């Protein structure tokens, strides 16, 4: 009986993740823009410009992933070009204070990411 219940639970978990829908480029852009608005105190014009740039970036990244095919990674140079274009737009629209705050946020995120990486251990 336990095996049957466990099997059903496993099936439901797998089926649930299989049918989960990915968020659209617009939904991801809205979430990213809202985070930036909250942390950087964007003006209405800045929010609109950054949202549009986020949508364009997300659609370009989706196209790169689709072109690469399932299980393959998109070309790194193309990804960098998309990110560079987005970062240029953001840099132009933000004030000096907002750019400084964004740099702090990126540094904090990078530090947190590094802290999560497993450290190499000596097995000698």
Protein backbone atom coordinates (compact mmCIF):
# COMPACT_ATOMS: atom_id res chain seq x y z
CA UNK A 1 0.00 0.00 0.00
CA UNK A 2 2.85 2.38 0.86
CA UNK A 3 4.45 1.69 -2.53
CA UNK A 4 1.19 2.53 -4.30
CA UNK A 5 0.80 5.83 -2.42
CA UNK A 6 4.46 6.70 -3.00
CA UNK A 7 4.12 5.89 -6.71
CA UNK A 8 1.02 8.06 -7.04
CA UNK A 9 2.71 10.93 -5.20
CA UNK A 10 5.76 10.66 -7.44
CA UNK A 11 3.58 10.61 -10.56
CA UNK A 12 1.66 13.69 -9.42
CA UNK A 13 4.90 15.54 -8.67
CA UNK A 14 6.38 14.69 -12.08
CA UNK A 15 3.15 15.46 -13.92
CA UNK A 16 2.80 18.77 -12.11
CA UNK A 17 6.24 19.97 -13.12
CA UNK A 18 5.79 18.72 -16.67
CA UNK A 19 2.65 20.75 -17.17
CA UNK A 20 3.91 23.87 -15.43
CA UNK A 21 3.90 26.76 -17.87
CA UNK A 22 6.85 29.00 -18.38
CA UNK A 23 6.30 32.68 -17.80
CA UNK A 24 6.07 34.88 -20.86
CA UNK A 25 8.70 37.46 -21.75
CA UNK A 26 6.28 40.16 -20.63
CA UNK A 27 5.64 38.51 -17.25
CA UNK A 28 9.36 38.11 -16.59
CA UNK A 29 9.96 41.72 -17.69
CA UNK A 30 7.23 42.98 -15.36
CA UNK A 31 8.73 41.10 -12.40
CA UNK A 32 12.25 42.35 -13.14
CA UNK A 33 11.08 45.91 -13.68
CA UNK A 34 9.06 45.88 -10.45
CA UNK A 35 12.15 44.72 -8.54
CA UNK A 36 14.19 47.53 -10.09
CA UNK A 37 11.45 50.06 -9.36
CA UNK A 38 11.31 48.97 -5.73
CA UNK A 39 15.08 49.02 -5.20
CA UNK A 40 16.03 51.99 -7.37
CA UNK A 41 12.96 54.24 -7.02
CA UNK A 42 12.39 54.50 -10.77
CA UNK A 43 10.33 57.31 -12.27
CA UNK A 44 7.38 56.44 -14.51
CA UNK A 45 9.42 57.17 -17.65
CA UNK A 46 12.33 55.07 -16.42
CA UNK A 47 9.99 52.22 -15.54
CA UNK A 48 8.42 52.23 -19.02
CA UNK A 49 11.78 52.35 -20.79
CA UNK A 50 13.28 49.60 -18.64
CA UNK A 51 10.17 47.42 -18.99
CA UNK A 52 10.33 47.71 -22.80
CA UNK A 53 14.06 46.93 -22.77
CA UNK A 54 13.40 43.93 -20.51
CA UNK A 55 10.71 42.60 -22.86
CA UNK A 56 13.04 43.00 -25.84
CA UNK A 57 15.88 41.28 -23.95
CA UNK A 58 13.67 38.40 -22.80
CA UNK A 59 12.28 37.82 -26.29
CA UNK A 60 15.79 37.85 -27.76
CA UNK A 61 16.99 35.37 -25.14
CA UNK A 62 13.98 33.12 -25.76
CA UNK A 63 14.75 33.19 -29.50
CA UNK A 64 18.39 32.27 -28.83
CA UNK A 65 17.35 29.36 -26.60
CA UNK A 66 14.85 28.14 -29.17
CA UNK A 67 17.39 28.40 -32.00
CA UNK A 68 19.94 26.44 -29.95
CA UNK A 69 17.49 23.59 -29.52
CA UNK A 70 16.35 21.71 -26.48
CA UNK A 71 19.18 20.68 -24.20
CA UNK A 72 21.70 22.97 -25.92
CA UNK A 73 23.04 26.27 -24.69
CA UNK A 74 22.77 29.39 -26.84
CA UNK A 75 25.93 31.00 -28.22
CA UNK A 76 27.72 32.91 -25.46
CA UNK A 77 28.67 35.81 -27.75
CA UNK A 78 25.05 36.31 -28.75
CA UNK A 79 23.94 36.25 -25.12
CA UNK A 80 26.60 38.82 -24.24
CA UNK A 81 25.43 41.05 -27.12
CA UNK A 82 21.83 40.95 -25.88
CA UNK A 83 22.91 41.71 -22.30
CA UNK A 84 25.24 44.50 -23.44
CA UNK A 85 22.44 46.17 -25.37
CA UNK A 86 20.11 45.94 -22.35
CA UNK A 87 22.76 47.21 -19.94
CA UNK A 88 23.50 50.17 -22.22
CA UNK A 89 19.83 51.19 -22.21
CA UNK A 90 19.62 50.84 -18.43
CA UNK A 91 22.84 52.77 -17.89
CA UNK A 92 21.61 55.64 -20.06
CA UNK A 93 18.25 55.94 -18.29
CA UNK A 94 19.41 55.68 -14.66
CA UNK A 95 20.78 58.56 -12.61
CA UNK A 96 24.26 58.39 -11.09
CA UNK A 97 22.81 57.49 -7.68
CA UNK A 98 20.64 54.75 -9.20
CA UNK A 99 23.61 53.32 -11.13
CA UNK A 100 25.67 53.25 -7.91
CA UNK A 101 22.87 51.50 -6.05
CA UNK A 102 22.46 48.99 -8.89
CA UNK A 103 26.20 48.27 -8.82
CA UNK A 104 25.92 47.59 -5.08
CA UNK A 105 22.98 45.24 -5.69
CA UNK A 106 24.93 43.33 -8.35
CA UNK A 107 27.96 43.05 -6.06
CA UNK A 108 25.78 41.73 -3.23
CA UNK A 109 24.13 39.22 -5.55
CA UNK A 110 27.51 38.04 -6.84
CA UNK A 111 28.81 37.66 -3.27
CA UNK A 112 25.74 35.66 -2.30
CA UNK A 113 26.14 33.45 -5.36
CA UNK A 114 29.81 32.85 -4.55
CA UNK A 115 28.91 31.98 -0.96
CA UNK A 116 26.54 29.27 -2.20
CA UNK A 117 29.20 27.56 -4.33
CA UNK A 118 30.74 24.53 -2.67
CA UNK A 119 34.31 25.14 -1.63
CA UNK A 120 37.07 22.90 -2.92
CA UNK A 121 38.27 20.58 -0.20
CA UNK A 122 41.59 18.87 0.21
CA UNK A 123 41.24 15.13 -0.08
CA UNK A 124 44.94 14.37 0.45
